[in-house]
Protein backbone atom coordinates (compact mmCIF):
# COMPACT_ATOMS: atom_id res chain seq x y z
CA MET A 1 207.12 65.93 -23.67
CA ILE A 2 208.21 69.25 -25.19
CA GLU A 3 205.44 71.78 -25.62
CA ARG A 4 205.28 73.45 -29.03
CA ILE A 5 203.29 76.20 -30.66
CA HIS A 6 201.81 75.57 -34.09
CA CYS A 7 200.58 77.41 -37.18
CA GLU A 8 196.94 78.46 -37.11
CA TRP A 9 196.58 77.39 -40.75
CA SER A 10 197.67 73.83 -39.99
CA GLU A 11 194.22 73.28 -38.49
CA ALA A 12 192.19 75.14 -41.12
CA SER A 13 188.81 73.62 -41.87
CA PRO A 14 188.06 72.52 -45.44
CA GLU A 15 185.67 75.47 -45.78
CA LEU A 16 188.34 77.93 -44.69
CA ALA A 17 190.86 76.30 -47.01
CA MET A 18 188.47 76.76 -49.94
CA ARG A 19 187.91 80.44 -49.06
CA TYR A 20 191.61 81.23 -48.57
CA PRO A 21 193.62 78.79 -50.71
CA ASP A 22 196.60 81.17 -51.07
CA ASP A 23 196.97 81.44 -47.30
CA VAL A 24 196.75 77.69 -46.87
CA ARG A 25 199.41 77.14 -49.57
CA TYR A 26 201.71 79.80 -48.09
CA HIS A 27 201.54 78.30 -44.61
CA ALA A 28 201.83 74.71 -45.86
CA LYS A 29 205.08 75.76 -47.55
CA HIS A 30 206.77 76.77 -44.30
CA GLY A 31 205.80 73.50 -42.58
CA GLU A 32 207.47 73.26 -39.17
CA SER A 33 209.65 76.35 -39.78
CA LEU A 34 207.66 78.68 -37.56
CA ASP A 35 210.12 81.52 -38.11
CA GLN A 36 208.39 81.87 -41.50
CA CYS A 37 204.91 81.96 -39.96
CA ASP A 38 202.82 84.95 -38.89
CA ALA A 39 199.90 82.92 -37.52
CA TRP A 40 201.15 81.29 -34.32
CA VAL A 41 198.92 79.48 -31.85
CA CYS A 42 200.36 79.02 -28.37
CA VAL A 43 199.76 76.00 -26.15
CA CYS A 44 197.45 78.26 -24.10
CA GLY A 45 195.37 79.18 -27.17
CA ASN A 46 196.77 82.70 -27.63
CA ARG A 47 197.17 83.75 -31.25
CA SER A 48 199.24 86.37 -33.03
CA HIS A 49 196.23 88.64 -33.45
CA LEU A 50 195.05 88.32 -29.83
CA ALA A 51 197.48 88.96 -26.94
CA GLY A 52 200.38 88.32 -29.30
CA PHE A 53 204.04 87.36 -29.01
CA TYR A 54 206.98 89.65 -28.33
CA PRO A 55 210.77 89.42 -28.73
CA CYS A 56 212.68 88.64 -25.54
CA ASP A 57 215.92 87.35 -24.07
CA ARG A 58 216.32 83.96 -22.31
CA ASP A 59 214.87 85.40 -19.09
CA GLY A 60 211.79 86.76 -20.82
CA ASN A 61 212.81 90.41 -20.69
CA GLY A 62 211.18 92.18 -23.59
CA LEU A 63 213.53 93.60 -26.21
CA GLU A 64 213.15 95.87 -29.19
CA PRO A 65 213.86 93.64 -32.20
CA LEU A 66 215.85 96.30 -34.06
CA ALA A 67 217.96 97.38 -31.10
CA SER A 68 221.50 96.18 -30.85
CA GLY A 69 222.06 93.96 -27.87
CA PRO A 70 221.46 90.45 -26.63
CA TRP A 71 218.41 89.59 -28.75
CA ASP A 72 219.40 86.93 -31.24
CA GLY A 73 216.14 86.95 -33.18
CA ARG A 74 214.91 83.59 -31.93
CA LEU A 75 213.05 84.02 -28.67
CA TYR A 76 209.56 85.38 -28.13
CA TYR A 77 207.23 85.34 -25.15
CA CYS A 78 203.50 84.71 -25.23
CA ASP A 79 201.77 87.73 -23.72
CA ALA A 80 198.92 85.54 -22.44
CA CYS A 81 200.69 82.74 -20.54
CA ARG A 82 204.32 83.97 -20.36
CA ARG A 83 205.83 80.95 -22.16
CA ILE A 84 209.14 81.66 -23.91
CA ILE A 85 209.21 80.22 -27.41
CA ASP A 86 212.07 79.45 -29.78
CA GLN A 87 210.65 80.62 -33.09
CA THR A 88 212.83 78.34 -35.21
CA THR A 89 211.45 75.15 -33.65
CA GLY A 90 208.24 76.36 -32.00
CA ALA A 91 209.43 74.73 -28.76
CA VAL A 92 208.62 76.24 -25.39
CA VAL A 93 212.00 76.80 -23.73
CA GLY A 94 210.92 78.45 -20.49
CA PHE A 95 208.59 80.90 -18.79
CA ARG A 96 208.83 84.65 -18.42
CA THR A 97 209.43 85.49 -14.77
CA PRO A 98 207.03 87.80 -12.93
CA ASP A 99 209.77 90.41 -12.58
CA ALA A 100 210.68 90.36 -16.30
CA LYS A 101 210.90 93.80 -17.82
CA ASP A 102 209.28 95.07 -20.98
CA TYR A 103 211.35 96.70 -23.72
CA SER A 104 214.63 97.94 -22.32
């Protein structure tokens, strides 16, 4: 089974949906396209506003998103559990190694 992150708004309670209908509509529009989402929830429970997610290469080395280089705009690591996530599919594609470097 492939692990996947999901959108925090996909599990919004009816009360929350009534309080924030615009947010619910916005996030319902992107569906499974998590590259359009700013409210990720990792398999471990981390969220965008907690430990967060950061751009990386395939090995989990942190990269500046605007720097030229090997970052292709797809991969992020969870700063709580070290999973590497493909933002287009939400699939976990690996784990950041203990010796991975932060922004080069």
